[in-house]
Amino acid sequence: MTNKKFDSGAFVFTRTRAYVPRNPEDVIPLAAKHGFDASIVPDYAGDRAAVGRAIAKTDTKIAGDTYLLRPIRRTGSEVVYGIVRENKTGDDHLDHDHEATVTWKAEPNPAVIEGDHTIANCVRLAYAELRGKLVADDWTATVTKELERLGAVPFREDGRVYWCPPQSLAAVRKLQSFLAEVGVVVVVAEVEAENTGVVTEIVSESVADQLHTLALEVEAFDGTQKPGTYARRLEEYQHLREVARQILTTTERKLRARLLARRR
């Protein structure tokens, strides 16, 4: 249900600063509670991804000393990083001493982080916290997919802020309630009346650009593409057509209302 306040749609963006990693199995009941299928819950990215996240999360400053974690070997089944101590000599020079390594292997036990250095222990703790869990980044694709399904269009080139048509705001509020329990904050902000023209222009340009790109790609198809490719492009076209329809419907309704007001 919409009201006059959001008659021009809304800006929608997310915030995950306070997000705490969670098990996918714990999130599925929350999805059901809010009327969503379990498919809305992202899949765990895997132990290999969790290792990379643990390394990125590890604080490499200990008791005033600075360490660097430098990759030695990174494959799908093995990750080896060197633990390097950085020394400042005071004469505009840095020395780097390799002190130890930290290692993860998919076999025989992917739960194990090898290494007895303090930094290795920090990686081990971070990995234990993240293994099997969904992190904030895992929700990005889910939120984007849901917003686009509801007719939302990127308002910024980096896709961080979306414009959502007024017809879809009730569904956005439903998504907002679900994600709030997960730990992802969805902010829904009113589009001020004086900005309606700018918003319409930007959204229209975004849809037009996407349609143009899609048309060029489809035109280049030579019949050898996989069936899944055609199916995905068809879904994209149908989505863009619906977005364009919503934009036209909203604009027409406003024009009719203003015309009626002028005739009174």
C-alpha atoms as a PDB file:
ATOM      1  CA  MET A   1       0.000   0.000   0.000  1.00  0.00           C
ATOM      2  CA  THR A   2       1.340   3.438  -0.908  1.00  0.00           C
ATOM      3  CA  ASN A   3       0.475   6.906   0.328  1.00  0.00           C
ATOM      4  CA  LYS A   4       0.932  10.458  -0.888  1.00  0.00           C
ATOM      5  CA  LYS A   5       4.257  10.674   0.912  1.00  0.00           C
ATOM      6  CA  PHE A   6       5.779   8.067  -1.388  1.00  0.00           C
ATOM      7  CA  ASP A   7       3.776   8.961  -4.482  1.00  0.00           C
ATOM      8  CA  SER A   8       7.019   9.488  -6.417  1.00  0.00           C
ATOM      9  CA  GLY A   9       8.507   6.188  -5.305  1.00  0.00           C
ATOM     10  CA  ALA A  10      11.413   5.860  -2.914  1.00  0.00           C
ATOM     11  CA  PHE A  11      15.168   5.613  -2.716  1.00  0.00           C
ATOM     12  CA  VAL A  12      16.260   2.279  -1.294  1.00  0.00           C
ATOM     13  CA  PHE A  13      19.686   1.305   0.010  1.00  0.00           C
ATOM     14  CA  THR A  14      21.139  -1.051   2.611  1.00  0.00           C
ATOM     15  CA  ARG A  15      23.465  -0.830   5.587  1.00  0.00           C
ATOM     16  CA  THR A  16      25.267  -3.821   7.065  1.00  0.00           C
ATOM     17  CA  ARG A  17      27.779  -2.304   9.477  1.00  0.00           C
ATOM     18  CA  ALA A  18      26.361  -4.087  12.533  1.00  0.00           C
ATOM     19  CA  TYR A  19      25.764  -7.378  10.713  1.00  0.00           C
ATOM     20  CA  VAL A  20      26.812 -10.545  12.571  1.00  0.00           C
ATOM     21  CA  PRO A  21      27.672 -13.702  10.534  1.00  0.00           C
ATOM     22  CA  ARG A  22      24.877 -16.271  10.720  1.00  0.00           C
ATOM     23  CA  ASN A  23      24.273 -19.893   9.800  1.00  0.00           C
ATOM     24  CA  PRO A  24      22.035 -20.237   6.703  1.00  0.00           C
ATOM     25  CA  GLU A  25      19.936 -22.817   8.570  1.00  0.00           C
ATOM     26  CA  ASP A  26      19.109 -20.212  11.226  1.00  0.00           C
ATOM     27  CA  VAL A  27      17.900 -17.736   8.609  1.00  0.00           C
ATOM     28  CA  ILE A  28      15.525 -20.059   6.726  1.00  0.00           C
ATOM     29  CA  PRO A  29      12.845 -19.994   9.495  1.00  0.00           C
ATOM     30  CA  LEU A  30      13.016 -16.181   9.480  1.00  0.00           C
ATOM     31  CA  ALA A  31      12.387 -16.180   5.733  1.00  0.00           C
ATOM     32  CA  ALA A  32       9.346 -18.426   6.199  1.00  0.00           C
ATOM     33  CA  LYS A  33       8.079 -16.201   9.006  1.00  0.00           C
ATOM     34  CA  HIS A  34       7.976 -13.258   6.608  1.00  0.00           C
ATOM     35  CA  GLY A  35       6.479 -15.201   3.738  1.00  0.00           C
ATOM     36  CA  PHE A  36       9.622 -15.843   1.708  1.00  0.00           C
ATOM     37  CA  ASP A  37      10.780 -19.116   0.202  1.00  0.00           C
ATOM     38  CA  ALA A  38      14.035 -20.606   1.493  1.00  0.00           C
ATOM     39  CA  SER A  39      15.613 -19.808  -1.887  1.00  0.00           C
ATOM     40  CA  ILE A  40      15.923 -16.167  -0.825  1.00  0.00           C
ATOM     41  CA  VAL A  41      18.629 -17.192   1.669  1.00  0.00           C
ATOM     42  CA  PRO A  42      22.087 -17.074   0.036  1.00  0.00           C
ATOM     43  CA  ASP A  43      24.196 -20.210  -0.133  1.00  0.00           C
ATOM     44  CA  TYR A  44      27.295 -20.455   2.038  1.00  0.00           C
ATOM     45  CA  ALA A  45      30.197 -19.307  -0.129  1.00  0.00           C
ATOM     46  CA  GLY A  46      32.366 -22.263   0.916  1.00  0.00           C
ATOM     47  CA  ASP A  47      35.398 -22.882   3.120  1.00  0.00           C
ATOM     48  CA  ARG A  48      37.820 -21.539   0.520  1.00  0.00           C
ATOM     49  CA  ALA A  49      36.024 -18.192   0.495  1.00  0.00           C
ATOM     50  CA  ALA A  50      35.826 -18.200   4.305  1.00  0.00           C
ATOM     51  CA  VAL A  51      39.617 -18.587   4.518  1.00  0.00           C
ATOM     52  CA  GLY A  52      40.119 -15.568   2.281  1.00  0.00           C
ATOM     53  CA  ARG A  53      37.693 -13.569   4.386  1.00  0.00           C
ATOM     54  CA  ALA A  54      39.420 -14.634   7.593  1.00  0.00           C
ATOM     55  CA  ILE A  55      42.789 -13.499   6.257  1.00  0.00           C
ATOM     56  CA  ALA A  56      41.337 -10.168   5.116  1.00  0.00           C
ATOM     57  CA  LYS A  57      39.724  -9.674   8.533  1.00  0.00           C
ATOM     58  CA  THR A  58      42.832 -10.462  10.588  1.00  0.00           C
ATOM     59  CA  ASP A  59      44.402  -7.514  12.352  1.00  0.00           C
ATOM     60  CA  THR A  60      48.119  -7.623  11.612  1.00  0.00           C
ATOM     61  CA  LYS A  61      49.258  -5.204  14.349  1.00  0.00           C
ATOM     62  CA  ILE A  62      50.427  -6.822  17.576  1.00  0.00           C
ATOM     63  CA  ALA A  63      51.990  -4.981  20.509  1.00  0.00           C
ATOM     64  CA  GLY A  64      53.232  -2.173  18.284  1.00  0.00           C
ATOM     65  CA  ASP A  65      54.670  -4.482  15.631  1.00  0.00           C
ATOM     66  CA  THR A  66      53.288  -4.568  12.099  1.00  0.00           C
ATOM     67  CA  TYR A  67      53.011  -7.788  10.146  1.00  0.00           C
ATOM     68  CA  LEU A  68      52.038  -8.442   6.546  1.00  0.00           C
ATOM     69  CA  LEU A  69      50.180 -11.450   5.234  1.00  0.00           C
ATOM     70  CA  ARG A  70      51.582 -12.087   1.781  1.00  0.00           C
ATOM     71  CA  PRO A  71      50.225 -14.797  -0.559  1.00  0.00           C
ATOM     72  CA  ILE A  72      52.567 -17.646  -1.419  1.00  0.00           C
ATOM     73  CA  ARG A  73      50.123 -20.087  -2.967  1.00  0.00           C
ATOM     74  CA  ARG A  74      46.391 -19.738  -3.584  1.00  0.00           C
ATOM     75  CA  THR A  75      44.395 -22.445  -5.331  1.00  0.00           C
ATOM     76  CA  GLY A  76      40.910 -23.842  -4.942  1.00  0.00           C
ATOM     77  CA  SER A  77      42.176 -26.485  -2.526  1.00  0.00           C
ATOM     78  CA  GLU A  78      45.111 -24.828  -0.774  1.00  0.00           C
ATOM     79  CA  VAL A  79      45.965 -21.404   0.640  1.00  0.00           C
ATOM     80  CA  VAL A  80      49.421 -20.540   1.950  1.00  0.00           C
ATOM     81  CA  TYR A  81      50.374 -17.086   3.219  1.00  0.00           C
ATOM     82  CA  GLY A  82      53.681 -15.854   4.522  1.00  0.00           C
ATOM     83  CA  ILE A  83      53.703 -13.931   7.806  1.00  0.00           C
ATOM     84  CA  VAL A  84      56.163 -11.089   7.303  1.00  0.00           C
ATOM     85  CA  ARG A  85      57.321  -8.690  10.011  1.00  0.00           C
ATOM     86  CA  GLU A  86      57.834  -5.115   8.888  1.00  0.00           C
ATOM     87  CA  ASN A  87      60.719  -3.241  10.499  1.00  0.00           C
ATOM     88  CA  LYS A  88      61.316   0.483  10.251  1.00  0.00           C
ATOM     89  CA  THR A  89      64.991   1.348  10.638  1.00  0.00           C
ATOM     90  CA  GLY A  90      64.425   5.075  11.049  1.00  0.00           C
ATOM     91  CA  ASP A  91      66.410   6.101   7.966  1.00  0.00           C
ATOM     92  CA  ASP A  92      63.603   5.998   5.389  1.00  0.00           C
ATOM     93  CA  HIS A  93      64.071   2.280   4.939  1.00  0.00           C
ATOM     94  CA  LEU A  94      61.880  -0.763   5.588  1.00  0.00           C
ATOM     95  CA  ASP A  95      62.994  -4.330   6.200  1.00  0.00           C
ATOM     96  CA  HIS A  96      60.675  -7.312   5.822  1.00  0.00           C
ATOM     97  CA  ASP A  97      61.463 -10.543   7.636  1.00  0.00           C
ATOM     98  CA  HIS A  98      59.556 -13.723   6.824  1.00  0.00           C
ATOM     99  CA  GLU A  99      58.745 -15.278  10.203  1.00  0.00           C
ATOM    100  CA  ALA A 100      56.239 -18.071   9.517  1.00  0.00           C
ATOM    101  CA  THR A 101      53.439 -19.321   7.307  1.00  0.00           C
ATOM    102  CA  VAL A 102      49.730 -19.911   7.740  1.00  0.00           C
ATOM    103  CA  THR A 103      48.170 -22.714   5.686  1.00  0.00           C
ATOM    104  CA  TRP A 104      44.722 -24.039   4.844  1.00  0.00           C
ATOM    105  CA  LYS A 105      44.040 -27.213   2.838  1.00  0.00           C
ATOM    106  CA  ALA A 106      40.746 -28.632   1.643  1.00  0.00           C
ATOM    107  CA  GLU A 107      42.031 -32.143   2.413  1.00  0.00           C
ATOM    108  CA  PRO A 108      42.135 -33.979   4.721  1.00  0.00           C
ATOM    109  CA  ASN A 109      40.418 -31.564   7.136  1.00  0.00           C
ATOM    110  CA  PRO A 110      39.121 -28.200   5.830  1.00  0.00           C
ATOM    111  CA  ALA A 111      38.380 -27.046   9.376  1.00  0.00           C
ATOM    112  CA  VAL A 112      42.091 -26.794  10.205  1.00  0.00           C
ATOM    113  CA  ILE A 113      44.312 -23.727   9.892  1.00  0.00           C
ATOM    114  CA  GLU A 114      47.968 -24.696  10.200  1.00  0.00           C
ATOM    115  CA  GLY A 115      50.546 -22.424  11.816  1.00  0.00           C
ATOM    116  CA  ASP A 116      51.733 -21.631  15.346  1.00  0.00           C
ATOM    117  CA  HIS A 117      52.527 -17.919  14.922  1.00  0.00           C
ATOM    118  CA  THR A 118      50.368 -15.370  16.768  1.00  0.00           C
ATOM    119  CA  ILE A 119      49.071 -14.072  13.446  1.00  0.00           C
ATOM    120  CA  ALA A 120      48.229 -17.630  12.399  1.00  0.00           C
ATOM    121  CA  ASN A 121      46.227 -17.986  15.601  1.00  0.00           C
ATOM    122  CA  CYS A 122      44.348 -14.798  14.737  1.00  0.00           C
ATOM    123  CA  VAL A 123      43.505 -16.204  11.297  1.00  0.00           C
ATOM    124  CA  ARG A 124      42.395 -19.442  12.947  1.00  0.00           C
ATOM    125  CA  LEU A 125      39.989 -17.587  15.261  1.00  0.00           C
ATOM    126  CA  ALA A 126      38.575 -15.514  12.406  1.00  0.00           C
ATOM    127  CA  TYR A 127      38.084 -18.612  10.263  1.00  0.00           C
ATOM    128  CA  ALA A 128      36.263 -20.417  13.083  1.00  0.00           C
ATOM    129  CA  GLU A 129      33.934 -17.434  13.359  1.00  0.00           C
ATOM    130  CA  LEU A 130      33.222 -17.266   9.614  1.00  0.00           C
ATOM    131  CA  ARG A 131      33.195 -20.933   8.572  1.00  0.00           C
ATOM    132  CA  GLY A 132      29.734 -22.077   7.555  1.00  0.00           C
ATOM    133  CA  LYS A 133      28.317 -18.574   8.019  1.00  0.00           C
ATOM    134  CA  LEU A 134      26.734 -15.963   5.778  1.00  0.00           C
ATOM    135  CA  VAL A 135      28.499 -12.598   5.852  1.00  0.00           C
ATOM    136  CA  ALA A 136      27.161  -9.197   4.809  1.00  0.00           C
ATOM    137  CA  ASP A 137      28.587  -9.464   1.284  1.00  0.00           C
ATOM    138  CA  ASP A 138      26.618 -12.664   0.697  1.00  0.00           C
ATOM    139  CA  TRP A 139      23.381 -10.686   0.918  1.00  0.00           C
ATOM    140  CA  THR A 140      24.310  -8.151  -1.759  1.00  0.00           C
ATOM    141  CA  ALA A 141      23.231 -10.290  -4.714  1.00  0.00           C
ATOM    142  CA  THR A 142      20.036 -11.376  -2.920  1.00  0.00           C
ATOM    143  CA  VAL A 143      18.955  -7.823  -2.113  1.00  0.00           C
ATOM    144  CA  THR A 144      19.817  -6.636  -5.624  1.00  0.00           C
ATOM    145  CA  LYS A 145      17.885  -9.486  -7.234  1.00  0.00           C
ATOM    146  CA  GLU A 146      14.814  -8.864  -5.079  1.00  0.00           C
ATOM    147  CA  LEU A 147      14.826  -5.114  -5.687  1.00  0.00           C
ATOM    148  CA  GLU A 148      15.196  -5.585  -9.432  1.00  0.00           C
ATOM    149  CA  ARG A 149      12.388  -8.140  -9.395  1.00  0.00           C
ATOM    150  CA  LEU A 150      10.215  -5.459  -7.796  1.00  0.00           C
ATOM    151  CA  GLY A 151      11.014  -3.007 -10.573  1.00  0.00           C
ATOM    152  CA  ALA A 152      13.744  -1.054  -8.781  1.00  0.00           C
ATOM    153  CA  VAL A 153      16.342   0.682 -10.938  1.00  0.00           C
ATOM    154  CA  PRO A 154      19.890   1.728  -9.946  1.00  0.00           C
ATOM    155  CA  PHE A 155      19.977   5.432  -9.173  1.00  0.00           C
ATOM    156  CA  ARG A 156      23.754   5.467  -8.856  1.00  0.00           C
ATOM    157  CA  GLU A 157      26.159   3.921 -11.336  1.00  0.00           C
ATOM    158  CA  ASP A 158      27.662   1.697  -8.634  1.00  0.00           C
ATOM    159  CA  GLY A 159      24.213   0.257  -7.856  1.00  0.00           C
ATOM    160  CA  ARG A 160      24.317   1.159  -4.162  1.00  0.00           C
ATOM    161  CA  VAL A 161      21.122   3.215  -4.294  1.00  0.00           C
ATOM    162  CA  TYR A 162      17.953   2.152  -6.087  1.00  0.00           C
ATOM    163  CA  TRP A 163      14.768   3.959  -7.041  1.00  0.00           C
ATOM    164  CA  CYS A 164      11.718   1.834  -6.356  1.00  0.00           C
ATOM    165  CA  PRO A 165       8.308   2.568  -7.925  1.00  0.00           C
ATOM    166  CA  PRO A 166       5.428   3.282  -5.538  1.00  0.00           C
ATOM    167  CA  GLN A 167       3.555   0.160  -6.671  1.00  0.00           C
ATOM    168  CA  SER A 168       6.280  -2.033  -5.156  1.00  0.00           C
ATOM    169  CA  LEU A 169       6.792  -0.308  -1.826  1.00  0.00           C
ATOM    170  CA  ALA A 170       4.596  -2.731   0.118  1.00  0.00           C
ATOM    171  CA  ALA A 171       6.762  -5.610  -1.113  1.00  0.00           C
ATOM    172  CA  VAL A 172       9.907  -3.625  -0.270  1.00  0.00           C
ATOM    173  CA  ARG A 173       8.594  -3.117   3.267  1.00  0.00           C
ATOM    174  CA  LYS A 174       8.076  -6.870   3.548  1.00  0.00           C
ATOM    175  CA  LEU A 175      11.675  -7.458   2.433  1.00  0.00           C
ATOM    176  CA  GLN A 176      12.789  -4.758   4.859  1.00  0.00           C
ATOM    177  CA  SER A 177      11.136  -6.531   7.807  1.00  0.00           C
ATOM    178  CA  PHE A 178      12.762  -9.852   6.947  1.00  0.00           C
ATOM    179  CA  LEU A 179      16.238  -8.433   6.466  1.00  0.00           C
ATOM    180  CA  ALA A 180      15.973  -6.423   9.693  1.00  0.00           C
ATOM    181  CA  GLU A 181      15.805  -9.708  11.611  1.00  0.00           C
ATOM    182  CA  VAL A 182      18.765 -11.008   9.625  1.00  0.00           C
ATOM    183  CA  GLY A 183      20.807  -7.918  10.465  1.00  0.00           C
ATOM    184  CA  VAL A 184      20.682  -6.084   7.132  1.00  0.00           C
ATOM    185  CA  VAL A 185      19.115  -2.631   7.389  1.00  0.00           C
ATOM    186  CA  VAL A 186      17.070  -1.545   4.373  1.00  0.00           C
ATOM    187  CA  VAL A 187      16.547   2.212   4.264  1.00  0.00           C
ATOM    188  CA  VAL A 188      13.498   3.491   2.375  1.00  0.00           C
ATOM    189  CA  ALA A 189      13.643   7.249   1.788  1.00  0.00           C
ATOM    190  CA  GLU A 190      10.992   9.446   0.236  1.00  0.00           C
ATOM    191  CA  VAL A 191      11.663  11.159  -3.098  1.00  0.00           C
ATOM    192  CA  GLU A 192      10.920  14.826  -2.536  1.00  0.00           C
ATOM    193  CA  ALA A 193       8.426  16.289  -5.006  1.00  0.00           C
ATOM    194  CA  GLU A 194      10.930  18.808  -6.383  1.00  0.00           C
ATOM    195  CA  ASN A 195      13.295  15.970  -7.322  1.00  0.00           C
ATOM    196  CA  THR A 196      10.728  13.905  -9.210  1.00  0.00           C
ATOM    197  CA  GLY A 197      11.790  15.196 -12.609  1.00  0.00           C
ATOM    198  CA  VAL A 198      15.449  14.394 -12.017  1.00  0.00           C
ATOM    199  CA  VAL A 199      14.624  10.933 -10.703  1.00  0.00           C
ATOM    200  CA  THR A 200      12.416  10.155 -13.690  1.00  0.00           C
ATOM    201  CA  GLU A 201      15.131  11.311 -16.070  1.00  0.00           C
ATOM    202  CA  ILE A 202      17.853   9.224 -14.435  1.00  0.00           C
ATOM    203  CA  VAL A 203      15.685   6.122 -14.164  1.00  0.00           C
ATOM    204  CA  SER A 204      14.555   6.456 -17.772  1.00  0.00           C
ATOM    205  CA  GLU A 205      18.162   6.829 -18.928  1.00  0.00           C
ATOM    206  CA  SER A 206      19.171   3.765 -16.905  1.00  0.00           C
ATOM    207  CA  VAL A 207      16.420   1.641 -18.450  1.00  0.00           C
ATOM    208  CA  ALA A 208      17.178   2.962 -21.934  1.00  0.00           C
ATOM    209  CA  ASP A 209      20.889   2.192 -21.534  1.00  0.00           C
ATOM    210  CA  GLN A 210      20.166  -1.324 -20.319  1.00  0.00           C
ATOM    211  CA  LEU A 211      17.744  -1.948 -23.191  1.00  0.00           C
ATOM    212  CA  HIS A 212      20.300  -0.659 -25.698  1.00  0.00           C
ATOM    213  CA  THR A 213      23.031  -2.911 -24.283  1.00  0.00           C
ATOM    214  CA  LEU A 214      20.691  -5.886 -24.291  1.00  0.00           C
ATOM    215  CA  ALA A 215      19.589  -5.195 -27.860  1.00  0.00           C
ATOM    216  CA  LEU A 216      23.187  -5.031 -29.092  1.00  0.00           C
ATOM    217  CA  GLU A 217      24.056  -8.285 -27.362  1.00  0.00           C
ATOM    218  CA  VAL A 218      21.011 -10.109 -28.713  1.00  0.00           C
ATOM    219  CA  GLU A 219      21.697  -8.759 -32.198  1.00  0.00           C
ATOM    220  CA  ALA A 220      25.168 -10.298 -32.037  1.00  0.00           C
ATOM    221  CA  PHE A 221      23.834 -13.770 -31.183  1.00  0.00           C
ATOM    222  CA  ASP A 222      24.577 -16.266 -33.957  1.00  0.00           C
ATOM    223  CA  GLY A 223      22.441 -19.182 -32.773  1.00  0.00           C
ATOM    224  CA  THR A 224      25.298 -21.064 -31.106  1.00  0.00           C
ATOM    225  CA  GLN A 225      24.670 -19.748 -27.597  1.00  0.00           C
ATOM    226  CA  LYS A 226      23.430 -22.078 -24.874  1.00  0.00           C
ATOM    227  CA  PRO A 227      19.663 -22.177 -24.172  1.00  0.00           C
ATOM    228  CA  GLY A 228      20.314 -20.758 -20.693  1.00  0.00           C
ATOM    229  CA  THR A 229      21.838 -17.644 -22.248  1.00  0.00           C
ATOM    230  CA  TYR A 230      18.697 -16.954 -24.266  1.00  0.00           C
ATOM    231  CA  ALA A 231      16.507 -17.620 -21.224  1.00  0.00           C
ATOM    232  CA  ARG A 232      18.460 -15.152 -19.071  1.00  0.00           C
ATOM    233  CA  ARG A 233      18.347 -12.447 -21.713  1.00  0.00           C
ATOM    234  CA  LEU A 234      14.595 -12.998 -22.114  1.00  0.00           C
ATOM    235  CA  GLU A 235      14.153 -12.586 -18.359  1.00  0.00           C
ATOM    236  CA  GLU A 236      16.176  -9.360 -18.470  1.00  0.00           C
ATOM    237  CA  TYR A 237      14.013  -8.027 -21.299  1.00  0.00           C
ATOM    238  CA  GLN A 238      10.805  -8.884 -19.450  1.00  0.00           C
ATOM    239  CA  HIS A 239      12.139  -7.203 -16.307  1.00  0.00           C
ATOM    240  CA  LEU A 240      13.083  -4.030 -18.180  1.00  0.00           C
ATOM    241  CA  ARG A 241       9.724  -3.976 -19.947  1.00  0.00           C
ATOM    242  CA  GLU A 242       7.956  -4.143 -16.583  1.00  0.00           C
ATOM    243  CA  VAL A 243      10.135  -1.346 -15.181  1.00  0.00           C
ATOM    244  CA  ALA A 244       9.372   0.828 -18.205  1.00  0.00           C
ATOM    245  CA  ARG A 245       5.660   0.088 -17.807  1.00  0.00           C
ATOM    246  CA  GLN A 246       5.747   1.126 -14.163  1.00  0.00           C
ATOM    247  CA  ILE A 247       7.561   4.356 -14.981  1.00  0.00           C
ATOM    248  CA  LEU A 248       5.006   5.219 -17.669  1.00  0.00           C
ATOM    249  CA  THR A 249       2.086   4.322 -15.392  1.00  0.00           C
ATOM    250  CA  THR A 250       3.389   6.484 -12.559  1.00  0.00           C
ATOM    251  CA  THR A 251       4.083   9.417 -14.865  1.00  0.00           C
ATOM    252  CA  GLU A 252       0.685   9.142 -16.551  1.00  0.00           C
ATOM    253  CA  ARG A 253      -1.112   9.085 -13.200  1.00  0.00           C
ATOM    254  CA  LYS A 254       0.667  12.242 -12.079  1.00  0.00           C
ATOM    255  CA  LEU A 255      -0.048  14.045 -15.342  1.00  0.00           C
ATOM    256  CA  ARG A 256      -3.737  13.143 -15.173  1.00  0.00           C
ATOM    257  CA  ALA A 257      -3.933  14.338 -11.561  1.00  0.00           C
ATOM    258  CA  ARG A 258      -2.289  17.641 -12.409  1.00  0.00           C
ATOM    259  CA  LEU A 259      -4.473  18.098 -15.484  1.00  0.00           C
ATOM    260  CA  LEU A 260      -7.589  17.485 -13.392  1.00  0.00           C
ATOM    261  CA  ALA A 261      -6.390  19.954 -10.758  1.00  0.00           C
ATOM    262  CA  ARG A 262      -5.835  22.629 -13.435  1.00  0.00           C
ATOM    263  CA  ARG A 263      -9.310  22.153 -14.889  1.00  0.00           C
ATOM    264  CA  ARG A 264     -11.037  22.686 -11.557  1.00  0.00           C
END
